[in-house]
Amino acid sequence: MNIWGVIAMAVISSTPDRITPLKNDIRSPRCTTCGKTFTKQTGNFPASQSPIYACNNHFLPVCKTCIDKLYEHYCAVLGNDEDAIRRICMKFDIYYSKALAESSRKIAVDRSRVHTYISRANLSQFRGKTYDTTIDEESRQVIESVEEVKESGVKILQRTVKFFGVGFSEDEYKFLQDQYDDWTARHECQTKSQEEIFKAICIAQLNIQRANISGDQKKLDTSMKLFQDLLGAAKIKPNQIKGDVISDQQTFGTLIQKWETEKPIPEPDPEFADVDNIRKYIGTFFFGHLCKMIGIKNSYSEEYEKYLKQYSATKPEFSDDAVNEDIFNKLTGDADGQ
């Protein structure tokens, strides 16, 4: 190994395993592009959430003026401003979102669009997101608008995207909808506030699943705590529903009565009505005939007898004199009785 190899090994061995971020001790920050020196970073350099710039107080090393020039350069080279913003995000590890880029277009003409985008990308709802997040989301085909569902042909109902909001993949929307349907089928959900709580519970479940896959223990603990808090808000924690479960352990008939009282069965649609009078036939010819056989007098047996009378033949009744007279006439051949 030559002298340079020895020096390199010495530097590597002396480098600490973890670099501790500096806390507001960077004086006279200098732009790495134009070389200009500033008195402070705030207001002169764009902020960043990327861990790459942790030791730079989470500021980009390029000043705002140079960022604007770079943005104009990419607009000219790439032909449109959205691709230019995406290239800036890629270069400086900034989270990119098509919907966020579209919203940054609606600003005053005297404001910088690229700085507006970077500022909004640093809002709390995008905390911890970098360009790596963009890559992950695009690999999952994240839905960023309701209109995108129509254009992309993704097999997801628009109302599902509208209900849960944008930012999830097709599989995640399916997971959220399945979980929501399951929760609301098992628990009461009649008001808007209950809908919002169950929706938040489903999203918390999804975050738990994501944290398990990524192995992020901190995120997993946070998601689990939020999930438990939401269950408590919905009053569906196991210790909260224990009494209700015991009260539901009743006879089947009592349970049917409870269902009929709380959620009565509605009248059937005309297409499912008893158009063939099956109920009448069973009541008359099954129950009525059975009651008649065992000698029970009730409405079924009466209906059965009444119905059979229409098709029954009765033997004519004669008095004794009438019968004798009729026999005599037959024997004598006097059909007219003379």
C-alpha atoms as a PDB file:
ATOM      1  CA  MET A   1       0.000   0.000   0.000  1.00  0.00           C
ATOM      2  CA  ASN A   2       1.398   3.440  -0.954  1.00  0.00           C
ATOM      3  CA  ILE A   3       1.510   6.535   1.212  1.00  0.00           C
ATOM      4  CA  TRP A   4      -1.846   7.829  -0.079  1.00  0.00           C
ATOM      5  CA  GLY A   5      -3.528   4.554   0.794  1.00  0.00           C
ATOM      6  CA  VAL A   6      -2.149   4.752   4.328  1.00  0.00           C
ATOM      7  CA  ILE A   7      -3.417   8.314   4.710  1.00  0.00           C
ATOM      8  CA  ALA A   8      -6.878   7.342   3.366  1.00  0.00           C
ATOM      9  CA  MET A   9      -7.135   4.429   5.814  1.00  0.00           C
ATOM     10  CA  ALA A  10      -6.145   6.704   8.690  1.00  0.00           C
ATOM     11  CA  VAL A  11      -8.827   9.231   7.745  1.00  0.00           C
ATOM     12  CA  ILE A  12     -11.511   6.550   7.433  1.00  0.00           C
ATOM     13  CA  SER A  13     -10.585   4.949  10.750  1.00  0.00           C
ATOM     14  CA  SER A  14     -10.727   8.315  12.517  1.00  0.00           C
ATOM     15  CA  THR A  15     -14.116   9.284  11.048  1.00  0.00           C
ATOM     16  CA  PRO A  16     -16.951   8.954  13.631  1.00  0.00           C
ATOM     17  CA  ASP A  17     -19.749   6.487  12.853  1.00  0.00           C
ATOM     18  CA  ARG A  18     -22.425   9.152  13.268  1.00  0.00           C
ATOM     19  CA  ILE A  19     -22.208  12.821  12.355  1.00  0.00           C
ATOM     20  CA  THR A  20     -23.928  15.086  14.846  1.00  0.00           C
ATOM     21  CA  PRO A  21     -25.873  17.885  13.080  1.00  0.00           C
ATOM     22  CA  LEU A  22     -24.683  21.388  13.878  1.00  0.00           C
ATOM     23  CA  LYS A  23     -27.156  23.602  15.690  1.00  0.00           C
ATOM     24  CA  ASN A  24     -27.190  27.141  14.339  1.00  0.00           C
ATOM     25  CA  ASP A  25     -23.396  27.501  14.536  1.00  0.00           C
ATOM     26  CA  ILE A  26     -22.737  28.048  10.832  1.00  0.00           C
ATOM     27  CA  ARG A  27     -21.549  31.607  10.447  1.00  0.00           C
ATOM     28  CA  SER A  28     -21.165  33.465   7.177  1.00  0.00           C
ATOM     29  CA  PRO A  29     -22.779  30.748   5.001  1.00  0.00           C
ATOM     30  CA  ARG A  30     -21.480  30.680   1.445  1.00  0.00           C
ATOM     31  CA  CYS A  31     -23.333  29.618  -1.697  1.00  0.00           C
ATOM     32  CA  THR A  32     -21.515  26.691  -3.279  1.00  0.00           C
ATOM     33  CA  THR A  33     -22.507  27.871  -6.773  1.00  0.00           C
ATOM     34  CA  CYS A  34     -21.872  31.618  -6.934  1.00  0.00           C
ATOM     35  CA  GLY A  35     -19.600  31.848  -3.878  1.00  0.00           C
ATOM     36  CA  LYS A  36     -21.503  34.735  -2.322  1.00  0.00           C
ATOM     37  CA  THR A  37     -21.361  34.976   1.480  1.00  0.00           C
ATOM     38  CA  PHE A  38     -24.426  35.762   3.584  1.00  0.00           C
ATOM     39  CA  THR A  39     -24.936  36.766   7.199  1.00  0.00           C
ATOM     40  CA  LYS A  40     -27.533  34.059   7.789  1.00  0.00           C
ATOM     41  CA  GLN A  41     -29.096  31.072   6.075  1.00  0.00           C
ATOM     42  CA  THR A  42     -32.754  31.868   6.783  1.00  0.00           C
ATOM     43  CA  GLY A  43     -34.244  33.844   3.918  1.00  0.00           C
ATOM     44  CA  ASN A  44     -31.207  33.351   1.691  1.00  0.00           C
ATOM     45  CA  PHE A  45     -31.093  29.576   1.276  1.00  0.00           C
ATOM     46  CA  PRO A  46     -34.075  27.205   0.706  1.00  0.00           C
ATOM     47  CA  ALA A  47     -34.865  24.885   3.599  1.00  0.00           C
ATOM     48  CA  SER A  48     -34.672  21.123   3.150  1.00  0.00           C
ATOM     49  CA  GLN A  49     -36.001  18.007   4.882  1.00  0.00           C
ATOM     50  CA  SER A  50     -33.359  15.741   3.418  1.00  0.00           C
ATOM     51  CA  PRO A  51     -30.906  14.129   5.870  1.00  0.00           C
ATOM     52  CA  ILE A  52     -28.166  14.947   3.342  1.00  0.00           C
ATOM     53  CA  TYR A  53     -28.195  18.556   4.607  1.00  0.00           C
ATOM     54  CA  ALA A  54     -28.544  17.766   8.322  1.00  0.00           C
ATOM     55  CA  CYS A  55     -25.139  19.298   9.163  1.00  0.00           C
ATOM     56  CA  ASN A  56     -26.055  22.393   7.181  1.00  0.00           C
ATOM     57  CA  ASN A  57     -28.949  23.205   9.536  1.00  0.00           C
ATOM     58  CA  HIS A  58     -31.269  21.572   6.967  1.00  0.00           C
ATOM     59  CA  PHE A  59     -30.672  24.272   4.360  1.00  0.00           C
ATOM     60  CA  LEU A  60     -29.613  23.749   0.757  1.00  0.00           C
ATOM     61  CA  PRO A  61     -26.038  24.885   0.068  1.00  0.00           C
ATOM     62  CA  VAL A  62     -27.175  26.856  -3.009  1.00  0.00           C
ATOM     63  CA  CYS A  63     -28.705  30.314  -2.544  1.00  0.00           C
ATOM     64  CA  LYS A  64     -32.144  31.251  -3.787  1.00  0.00           C
ATOM     65  CA  THR A  65     -30.800  33.351  -6.647  1.00  0.00           C
ATOM     66  CA  CYS A  66     -28.795  30.463  -8.035  1.00  0.00           C
ATOM     67  CA  ILE A  67     -31.792  28.127  -7.614  1.00  0.00           C
ATOM     68  CA  ASP A  68     -33.873  30.527  -9.716  1.00  0.00           C
ATOM     69  CA  LYS A  69     -31.208  30.588 -12.421  1.00  0.00           C
ATOM     70  CA  LEU A  70     -30.982  26.812 -12.417  1.00  0.00           C
ATOM     71  CA  TYR A  71     -34.786  26.560 -12.653  1.00  0.00           C
ATOM     72  CA  GLU A  72     -34.848  28.924 -15.664  1.00  0.00           C
ATOM     73  CA  HIS A  73     -32.091  26.873 -17.286  1.00  0.00           C
ATOM     74  CA  TYR A  74     -34.072  23.646 -16.915  1.00  0.00           C
ATOM     75  CA  CYS A  75     -37.245  25.327 -18.196  1.00  0.00           C
ATOM     76  CA  ALA A  76     -35.395  26.284 -21.372  1.00  0.00           C
ATOM     77  CA  VAL A  77     -33.691  22.909 -21.803  1.00  0.00           C
ATOM     78  CA  LEU A  78     -36.610  20.634 -20.867  1.00  0.00           C
ATOM     79  CA  GLY A  79     -39.313  22.758 -22.474  1.00  0.00           C
ATOM     80  CA  ASN A  80     -41.770  23.059 -19.552  1.00  0.00           C
ATOM     81  CA  ASP A  81     -41.783  24.280 -15.974  1.00  0.00           C
ATOM     82  CA  GLU A  82     -43.090  21.079 -14.328  1.00  0.00           C
ATOM     83  CA  ASP A  83     -40.198  19.006 -15.641  1.00  0.00           C
ATOM     84  CA  ALA A  84     -37.867  21.767 -14.490  1.00  0.00           C
ATOM     85  CA  ILE A  85     -39.267  21.574 -10.942  1.00  0.00           C
ATOM     86  CA  ARG A  86     -38.958  17.806 -10.986  1.00  0.00           C
ATOM     87  CA  ARG A  87     -35.294  18.065 -12.035  1.00  0.00           C
ATOM     88  CA  ILE A  88     -34.607  20.541  -9.208  1.00  0.00           C
ATOM     89  CA  CYS A  89     -36.265  18.136  -6.763  1.00  0.00           C
ATOM     90  CA  MET A  90     -34.203  15.255  -8.086  1.00  0.00           C
ATOM     91  CA  LYS A  91     -30.956  17.212  -7.830  1.00  0.00           C
ATOM     92  CA  PHE A  92     -31.506  18.469  -4.252  1.00  0.00           C
ATOM     93  CA  ASP A  93     -33.466  15.499  -2.810  1.00  0.00           C
ATOM     94  CA  ILE A  94     -36.767  17.391  -2.484  1.00  0.00           C
ATOM     95  CA  TYR A  95     -40.120  15.626  -2.434  1.00  0.00           C
ATOM     96  CA  TYR A  96     -41.920  15.914  -5.792  1.00  0.00           C
ATOM     97  CA  SER A  97     -45.662  15.677  -6.264  1.00  0.00           C
ATOM     98  CA  LYS A  98     -47.596  16.427  -9.442  1.00  0.00           C
ATOM     99  CA  ALA A  99     -50.496  17.857  -7.448  1.00  0.00           C
ATOM    100  CA  LEU A 100     -48.129  20.042  -5.420  1.00  0.00           C
ATOM    101  CA  ALA A 101     -46.444  21.268  -8.594  1.00  0.00           C
ATOM    102  CA  GLU A 102     -49.844  22.150 -10.038  1.00  0.00           C
ATOM    103  CA  SER A 103     -50.849  24.087  -6.924  1.00  0.00           C
ATOM    104  CA  SER A 104     -47.598  26.082  -6.988  1.00  0.00           C
ATOM    105  CA  ARG A 105     -48.637  27.423 -10.400  1.00  0.00           C
ATOM    106  CA  LYS A 106     -51.436  29.477  -8.824  1.00  0.00           C
ATOM    107  CA  ILE A 107     -49.288  32.308  -7.486  1.00  0.00           C
ATOM    108  CA  ALA A 108     -48.670  35.963  -8.256  1.00  0.00           C
ATOM    109  CA  VAL A 109     -46.515  36.698 -11.292  1.00  0.00           C
ATOM    110  CA  ASP A 110     -43.862  38.427  -9.189  1.00  0.00           C
ATOM    111  CA  ARG A 111     -43.248  35.336  -7.036  1.00  0.00           C
ATOM    112  CA  SER A 112     -40.808  32.551  -7.799  1.00  0.00           C
ATOM    113  CA  ARG A 113     -42.613  29.349  -8.614  1.00  0.00           C
ATOM    114  CA  VAL A 114     -39.722  27.076  -7.713  1.00  0.00           C
ATOM    115  CA  HIS A 115     -39.322  28.682  -4.272  1.00  0.00           C
ATOM    116  CA  THR A 116     -43.077  28.501  -3.728  1.00  0.00           C
ATOM    117  CA  TYR A 117     -42.918  24.789  -4.510  1.00  0.00           C
ATOM    118  CA  ILE A 118     -39.959  24.176  -2.166  1.00  0.00           C
ATOM    119  CA  SER A 119     -41.692  26.094   0.643  1.00  0.00           C
ATOM    120  CA  ARG A 120     -44.878  24.056   0.280  1.00  0.00           C
ATOM    121  CA  ALA A 121     -42.901  20.820   0.091  1.00  0.00           C
ATOM    122  CA  ASN A 122     -41.592  21.676   3.578  1.00  0.00           C
ATOM    123  CA  LEU A 123     -45.073  21.978   5.120  1.00  0.00           C
ATOM    124  CA  SER A 124     -46.002  19.702   8.018  1.00  0.00           C
ATOM    125  CA  GLN A 125     -48.140  17.358   5.895  1.00  0.00           C
ATOM    126  CA  PHE A 126     -45.016  16.510   3.854  1.00  0.00           C
ATOM    127  CA  ARG A 127     -42.716  16.139   6.853  1.00  0.00           C
ATOM    128  CA  GLY A 128     -39.970  13.592   6.326  1.00  0.00           C
ATOM    129  CA  LYS A 129     -40.646  13.247   2.603  1.00  0.00           C
ATOM    130  CA  THR A 130     -37.766  13.462   0.145  1.00  0.00           C
ATOM    131  CA  TYR A 131     -37.236  12.486  -3.478  1.00  0.00           C
ATOM    132  CA  ASP A 132     -36.866   8.894  -2.266  1.00  0.00           C
ATOM    133  CA  THR A 133     -40.499   9.174  -1.145  1.00  0.00           C
ATOM    134  CA  THR A 134     -41.408  10.276  -4.664  1.00  0.00           C
ATOM    135  CA  ILE A 135     -39.725   7.197  -6.118  1.00  0.00           C
ATOM    136  CA  ASP A 136     -41.549   4.937  -3.657  1.00  0.00           C
ATOM    137  CA  GLU A 137     -44.917   6.554  -4.377  1.00  0.00           C
ATOM    138  CA  GLU A 138     -44.485   6.394  -8.139  1.00  0.00           C
ATOM    139  CA  SER A 139     -43.504   2.742  -7.934  1.00  0.00           C
ATOM    140  CA  ARG A 140     -46.814   2.194  -6.116  1.00  0.00           C
ATOM    141  CA  GLN A 141     -48.702   4.260  -8.742  1.00  0.00           C
ATOM    142  CA  VAL A 142     -50.017   6.751  -6.223  1.00  0.00           C
ATOM    143  CA  ILE A 143     -53.270   8.512  -7.135  1.00  0.00           C
ATOM    144  CA  GLU A 144     -52.782  12.274  -6.885  1.00  0.00           C
ATOM    145  CA  SER A 145     -56.194  13.519  -8.020  1.00  0.00           C
ATOM    146  CA  VAL A 146     -59.740  12.272  -8.560  1.00  0.00           C
ATOM    147  CA  GLU A 147     -59.520  13.169 -12.253  1.00  0.00           C
ATOM    148  CA  GLU A 148     -56.442  10.983 -12.552  1.00  0.00           C
ATOM    149  CA  VAL A 149     -58.608   7.930 -11.876  1.00  0.00           C
ATOM    150  CA  LYS A 150     -60.510   8.545 -15.121  1.00  0.00           C
ATOM    151  CA  GLU A 151     -57.388   9.229 -17.160  1.00  0.00           C
ATOM    152  CA  SER A 152     -55.241   6.359 -15.889  1.00  0.00           C
ATOM    153  CA  GLY A 153     -57.941   3.693 -16.076  1.00  0.00           C
ATOM    154  CA  VAL A 154     -57.156   2.505 -12.552  1.00  0.00           C
ATOM    155  CA  LYS A 155     -59.924   0.211 -11.315  1.00  0.00           C
ATOM    156  CA  ILE A 156     -60.877   2.264  -8.268  1.00  0.00           C
ATOM    157  CA  LEU A 157     -64.172   4.002  -7.697  1.00  0.00           C
ATOM    158  CA  GLN A 158     -63.867   7.768  -7.710  1.00  0.00           C
ATOM    159  CA  ARG A 159     -65.884   8.003  -4.506  1.00  0.00           C
ATOM    160  CA  THR A 160     -63.228   5.887  -2.723  1.00  0.00           C
ATOM    161  CA  VAL A 161     -60.466   8.280  -3.768  1.00  0.00           C
ATOM    162  CA  LYS A 162     -62.627  11.261  -2.884  1.00  0.00           C
ATOM    163  CA  PHE A 163     -63.503   9.767   0.515  1.00  0.00           C
ATOM    164  CA  PHE A 164     -59.985   8.812   1.647  1.00  0.00           C
ATOM    165  CA  GLY A 165     -58.143  11.581  -0.186  1.00  0.00           C
ATOM    166  CA  VAL A 166     -55.309  11.342  -2.694  1.00  0.00           C
ATOM    167  CA  GLY A 167     -51.844   9.935  -2.067  1.00  0.00           C
ATOM    168  CA  PHE A 168     -52.490   6.177  -1.965  1.00  0.00           C
ATOM    169  CA  SER A 169     -51.892   3.394  -4.466  1.00  0.00           C
ATOM    170  CA  GLU A 170     -54.567   1.199  -6.023  1.00  0.00           C
ATOM    171  CA  ASP A 171     -53.854  -1.667  -3.608  1.00  0.00           C
ATOM    172  CA  GLU A 172     -53.889   0.718  -0.648  1.00  0.00           C
ATOM    173  CA  TYR A 173     -57.276   2.127  -1.672  1.00  0.00           C
ATOM    174  CA  LYS A 174     -58.615  -1.418  -1.858  1.00  0.00           C
ATOM    175  CA  PHE A 175     -57.207  -2.145   1.609  1.00  0.00           C
ATOM    176  CA  LEU A 176     -58.730   1.053   3.033  1.00  0.00           C
ATOM    177  CA  GLN A 177     -62.158   0.391   1.499  1.00  0.00           C
ATOM    178  CA  ASP A 178     -62.204  -3.236   2.666  1.00  0.00           C
ATOM    179  CA  GLN A 179     -61.248  -2.238   6.200  1.00  0.00           C
ATOM    180  CA  TYR A 180     -63.816   0.571   6.279  1.00  0.00           C
ATOM    181  CA  ASP A 181     -66.594  -1.736   5.110  1.00  0.00           C
ATOM    182  CA  ASP A 182     -65.590  -4.293   7.727  1.00  0.00           C
ATOM    183  CA  TRP A 183     -65.481  -1.765  10.593  1.00  0.00           C
ATOM    184  CA  THR A 184     -68.815  -0.165   9.704  1.00  0.00           C
ATOM    185  CA  ALA A 185     -70.479  -3.571   9.276  1.00  0.00           C
ATOM    186  CA  ARG A 186     -69.468  -4.589  12.802  1.00  0.00           C
ATOM    187  CA  HIS A 187     -69.987  -1.266  14.576  1.00  0.00           C
ATOM    188  CA  GLU A 188     -72.535   1.527  14.452  1.00  0.00           C
ATOM    189  CA  CYS A 189     -71.705   4.299  11.994  1.00  0.00           C
ATOM    190  CA  GLN A 190     -74.566   6.765  11.616  1.00  0.00           C
ATOM    191  CA  THR A 191     -73.004  10.235  11.893  1.00  0.00           C
ATOM    192  CA  LYS A 192     -70.361  12.208  10.039  1.00  0.00           C
ATOM    193  CA  SER A 193     -68.043  12.180  13.055  1.00  0.00           C
ATOM    194  CA  GLN A 194     -68.239   8.382  13.250  1.00  0.00           C
ATOM    195  CA  GLU A 195     -67.390   8.127   9.539  1.00  0.00           C
ATOM    196  CA  GLU A 196     -64.321  10.318  10.023  1.00  0.00           C
ATOM    197  CA  ILE A 197     -63.114   8.276  13.003  1.00  0.00           C
ATOM    198  CA  PHE A 198     -63.462   4.986  11.134  1.00  0.00           C
ATOM    199  CA  LYS A 199     -61.709   6.512   8.131  1.00  0.00           C
ATOM    200  CA  ALA A 200     -58.820   7.620  10.369  1.00  0.00           C
ATOM    201  CA  ILE A 201     -58.693   4.131  11.905  1.00  0.00           C
ATOM    202  CA  CYS A 202     -58.298   2.580   8.449  1.00  0.00           C
ATOM    203  CA  ILE A 203     -55.493   4.998   7.523  1.00  0.00           C
ATOM    204  CA  ALA A 204     -53.783   4.245  10.855  1.00  0.00           C
ATOM    205  CA  GLN A 205     -53.968   0.527  10.026  1.00  0.00           C
ATOM    206  CA  LEU A 206     -52.340   1.227   6.671  1.00  0.00           C
ATOM    207  CA  ASN A 207     -49.551   3.218   8.358  1.00  0.00           C
ATOM    208  CA  ILE A 208     -48.953   0.315  10.759  1.00  0.00           C
ATOM    209  CA  GLN A 209     -48.676  -2.021   7.789  1.00  0.00           C
ATOM    210  CA  ARG A 210     -46.219   0.325   6.060  1.00  0.00           C
ATOM    211  CA  ALA A 211     -44.110   0.669   9.197  1.00  0.00           C
ATOM    212  CA  ASN A 212     -43.981  -3.111   9.614  1.00  0.00           C
ATOM    213  CA  ILE A 213     -42.772  -3.544   6.053  1.00  0.00           C
ATOM    214  CA  SER A 214     -40.146  -0.784   6.295  1.00  0.00           C
ATOM    215  CA  GLY A 215     -38.974  -1.848   9.750  1.00  0.00           C
ATOM    216  CA  ASP A 216     -39.310   1.696  11.094  1.00  0.00           C
ATOM    217  CA  GLN A 217     -39.887   1.022  14.796  1.00  0.00           C
ATOM    218  CA  LYS A 218     -40.409   4.682  15.682  1.00  0.00           C
ATOM    219  CA  LYS A 219     -43.086   5.098  13.043  1.00  0.00           C
ATOM    220  CA  LEU A 220     -44.646   1.793  14.099  1.00  0.00           C
ATOM    221  CA  ASP A 221     -44.908   2.902  17.733  1.00  0.00           C
ATOM    222  CA  THR A 222     -46.431   6.240  16.709  1.00  0.00           C
ATOM    223  CA  SER A 223     -48.951   4.572  14.404  1.00  0.00           C
ATOM    224  CA  MET A 224     -49.925   2.001  17.042  1.00  0.00           C
ATOM    225  CA  LYS A 225     -50.516   4.728  19.640  1.00  0.00           C
ATOM    226  CA  LEU A 226     -52.653   6.711  17.202  1.00  0.00           C
ATOM    227  CA  PHE A 227     -54.597   3.549  16.351  1.00  0.00           C
ATOM    228  CA  GLN A 228     -55.311   2.866  20.045  1.00  0.00           C
ATOM    229  CA  ASP A 229     -56.380   6.487  20.601  1.00  0.00           C
ATOM    230  CA  LEU A 230     -58.783   6.305  17.653  1.00  0.00           C
ATOM    231  CA  LEU A 231     -60.294   3.059  18.960  1.00  0.00           C
ATOM    232  CA  GLY A 232     -60.847   4.812  22.273  1.00  0.00           C
ATOM    233  CA  ALA A 233     -62.470   7.792  20.547  1.00  0.00           C
ATOM    234  CA  ALA A 234     -64.817   5.418  18.718  1.00  0.00           C
ATOM    235  CA  LYS A 235     -65.481   3.554  22.016  1.00  0.00           C
ATOM    236  CA  ILE A 236     -64.643   0.218  20.452  1.00  0.00           C
ATOM    237  CA  LYS A 237     -61.619  -0.783  22.505  1.00  0.00           C
ATOM    238  CA  PRO A 238     -61.856  -4.372  23.814  1.00  0.00           C
ATOM    239  CA  ASN A 239     -62.321  -3.150  27.398  1.00  0.00           C
ATOM    240  CA  GLN A 240     -65.033  -0.736  26.236  1.00  0.00           C
ATOM    241  CA  ILE A 241     -67.189  -3.279  24.397  1.00  0.00           C
ATOM    242  CA  LYS A 242     -66.896  -6.127  26.912  1.00  0.00           C
ATOM    243  CA  GLY A 243     -70.267  -5.354  28.483  1.00  0.00           C
ATOM    244  CA  ASP A 244     -71.967  -5.128  25.109  1.00  0.00           C
ATOM    245  CA  VAL A 245     -70.614  -8.531  24.077  1.00  0.00           C
ATOM    246  CA  ILE A 246     -72.013 -10.133  27.254  1.00  0.00           C
ATOM    247  CA  SER A 247     -75.412  -8.568  26.692  1.00  0.00           C
ATOM    248  CA  ASP A 248     -75.453  -9.955  23.166  1.00  0.00           C
ATOM    249  CA  GLN A 249     -75.039 -13.540  24.414  1.00  0.00           C
ATOM    250  CA  GLN A 250     -78.783 -14.205  24.412  1.00  0.00           C
ATOM    251  CA  THR A 251     -81.118 -16.702  22.826  1.00  0.00           C
ATOM    252  CA  PHE A 252     -81.524 -16.634  19.078  1.00  0.00           C
ATOM    253  CA  GLY A 253     -85.123 -15.425  19.371  1.00  0.00           C
ATOM    254  CA  THR A 254     -84.092 -12.537  21.650  1.00  0.00           C
ATOM    255  CA  LEU A 255     -81.361 -11.600  19.206  1.00  0.00           C
ATOM    256  CA  ILE A 256     -83.847 -11.541  16.326  1.00  0.00           C
ATOM    257  CA  GLN A 257     -86.136  -9.324  18.412  1.00  0.00           C
ATOM    258  CA  LYS A 258     -83.217  -6.954  19.059  1.00  0.00           C
ATOM    259  CA  TRP A 259     -82.396  -6.778  15.369  1.00  0.00           C
ATOM    260  CA  GLU A 260     -86.029  -6.148  14.479  1.00  0.00           C
ATOM    261  CA  THR A 261     -86.242  -3.365  17.060  1.00  0.00           C
ATOM    262  CA  GLU A 262     -82.999  -1.628  16.112  1.00  0.00           C
ATOM    263  CA  LYS A 263     -82.973  -2.273  12.378  1.00  0.00           C
ATOM    264  CA  PRO A 264     -86.399  -3.515  11.188  1.00  0.00           C
ATOM    265  CA  ILE A 265     -86.469  -5.556   7.986  1.00  0.00           C
ATOM    266  CA  PRO A 266     -87.886  -3.330   5.207  1.00  0.00           C
ATOM    267  CA  GLU A 267     -90.631  -4.305   2.817  1.00  0.00           C
ATOM    268  CA  PRO A 268     -89.302  -6.293  -0.151  1.00  0.00           C
ATOM    269  CA  ASP A 269     -88.960  -4.745  -3.570  1.00  0.00           C
ATOM    270  CA  PRO A 270     -91.823  -5.526  -5.973  1.00  0.00           C
ATOM    271  CA  GLU A 271     -89.601  -7.917  -7.937  1.00  0.00           C
ATOM    272  CA  PHE A 272     -89.036  -9.964  -4.779  1.00  0.00           C
ATOM    273  CA  ALA A 273     -92.649  -9.850  -3.514  1.00  0.00           C
ATOM    274  CA  ASP A 274     -94.770 -13.009  -3.158  1.00  0.00           C
ATOM    275  CA  VAL A 275     -96.206 -12.802  -6.662  1.00  0.00           C
ATOM    276  CA  ASP A 276     -97.023 -16.568  -6.760  1.00  0.00           C
ATOM    277  CA  ASN A 277     -98.849 -16.609  -3.418  1.00  0.00           C
ATOM    278  CA  ILE A 278     -96.454 -19.224  -2.057  1.00  0.00           C
ATOM    279  CA  ARG A 279     -97.151 -18.074   1.473  1.00  0.00           C
ATOM    280  CA  LYS A 280    -100.902 -18.628   1.021  1.00  0.00           C
ATOM    281  CA  TYR A 281    -100.416 -22.082  -0.473  1.00  0.00           C
ATOM    282  CA  ILE A 282     -98.116 -23.201   2.347  1.00  0.00           C
ATOM    283  CA  GLY A 283    -100.400 -21.751   5.007  1.00  0.00           C
ATOM    284  CA  THR A 284    -103.540 -23.290   3.512  1.00  0.00           C
ATOM    285  CA  PHE A 285    -102.483 -26.676   2.139  1.00  0.00           C
ATOM    286  CA  PHE A 286     -99.621 -27.510   4.483  1.00  0.00           C
ATOM    287  CA  PHE A 287    -100.474 -25.982   7.860  1.00  0.00           C
ATOM    288  CA  GLY A 288    -104.241 -26.111   7.227  1.00  0.00           C
ATOM    289  CA  HIS A 289    -104.192 -29.749   6.108  1.00  0.00           C
ATOM    290  CA  LEU A 290    -101.896 -30.703   9.008  1.00  0.00           C
ATOM    291  CA  CYS A 291    -104.171 -29.032  11.561  1.00  0.00           C
ATOM    292  CA  LYS A 292    -107.218 -30.728   9.986  1.00  0.00           C
ATOM    293  CA  MET A 293    -105.533 -34.141  10.245  1.00  0.00           C
ATOM    294  CA  ILE A 294    -104.700 -33.840  13.950  1.00  0.00           C
ATOM    295  CA  GLY A 295    -107.990 -32.170  14.837  1.00  0.00           C
ATOM    296  CA  ILE A 296    -106.803 -28.641  15.646  1.00  0.00           C
ATOM    297  CA  LYS A 297    -109.308 -25.865  15.063  1.00  0.00           C
ATOM    298  CA  ASN A 298    -107.582 -22.621  14.117  1.00  0.00           C
ATOM    299  CA  SER A 299    -107.372 -20.092  11.300  1.00  0.00           C
ATOM    300  CA  TYR A 300    -105.280 -22.445   9.152  1.00  0.00           C
ATOM    301  CA  SER A 301    -107.775 -25.342   9.357  1.00  0.00           C
ATOM    302  CA  GLU A 302    -110.715 -22.985   8.775  1.00  0.00           C
ATOM    303  CA  GLU A 303    -109.035 -21.522   5.710  1.00  0.00           C
ATOM    304  CA  TYR A 304    -108.330 -25.078   4.491  1.00  0.00           C
ATOM    305  CA  GLU A 305    -111.969 -26.163   4.862  1.00  0.00           C
ATOM    306  CA  LYS A 306    -113.224 -22.977   3.271  1.00  0.00           C
ATOM    307  CA  TYR A 307    -110.931 -23.447   0.294  1.00  0.00           C
ATOM    308  CA  LEU A 308    -111.887 -27.138  -0.210  1.00  0.00           C
ATOM    309  CA  LYS A 309    -115.613 -26.343  -0.240  1.00  0.00           C
ATOM    310  CA  GLN A 310    -115.150 -24.717  -3.627  1.00  0.00           C
ATOM    311  CA  TYR A 311    -114.118 -28.073  -5.119  1.00  0.00           C
ATOM    312  CA  SER A 312    -116.181 -30.520  -2.986  1.00  0.00           C
ATOM    313  CA  ALA A 313    -119.347 -32.402  -4.090  1.00  0.00           C
ATOM    314  CA  THR A 314    -122.092 -32.899  -1.450  1.00  0.00           C
ATOM    315  CA  LYS A 315    -124.524 -35.839  -1.365  1.00  0.00           C
ATOM    316  CA  PRO A 316    -128.180 -34.692  -1.775  1.00  0.00           C
ATOM    317  CA  GLU A 317    -130.441 -35.237   1.247  1.00  0.00           C
ATOM    318  CA  PHE A 318    -134.059 -36.583   0.953  1.00  0.00           C
ATOM    319  CA  SER A 319    -136.875 -37.155   3.427  1.00  0.00           C
ATOM    320  CA  ASP A 320    -138.182 -40.724   3.954  1.00  0.00           C
ATOM    321  CA  ASP A 321    -141.488 -39.951   2.140  1.00  0.00           C
ATOM    322  CA  ALA A 322    -139.661 -38.506  -0.812  1.00  0.00           C
ATOM    323  CA  VAL A 323    -137.387 -41.562  -1.063  1.00  0.00           C
ATOM    324  CA  ASN A 324    -140.290 -44.059  -0.855  1.00  0.00           C
ATOM    325  CA  GLU A 325    -142.290 -42.153  -3.450  1.00  0.00           C
ATOM    326  CA  ASP A 326    -139.332 -42.078  -5.798  1.00  0.00           C
ATOM    327  CA  ILE A 327    -138.760 -45.843  -5.437  1.00  0.00           C
ATOM    328  CA  PHE A 328    -142.443 -46.608  -6.099  1.00  0.00           C
ATOM    329  CA  ASN A 329    -142.450 -44.515  -9.241  1.00  0.00           C
ATOM    330  CA  LYS A 330    -139.329 -46.271 -10.533  1.00  0.00           C
ATOM    331  CA  LEU A 331    -140.827 -49.737  -9.923  1.00  0.00           C
ATOM    332  CA  THR A 332    -144.169 -48.969 -11.586  1.00  0.00           C
ATOM    333  CA  GLY A 333    -142.670 -47.045 -14.460  1.00  0.00           C
ATOM    334  CA  ASP A 334    -144.730 -44.062 -13.604  1.00  0.00           C
ATOM    335  CA  ALA A 335    -142.077 -41.435 -14.046  1.00  0.00           C
ATOM    336  CA  ASP A 336    -144.615 -38.608 -13.665  1.00  0.00           C
ATOM    337  CA  GLY A 337    -146.076 -40.105 -10.431  1.00  0.00           C
ATOM    338  CA  GLN A 338    -149.518 -40.835 -11.966  1.00  0.00           C
END
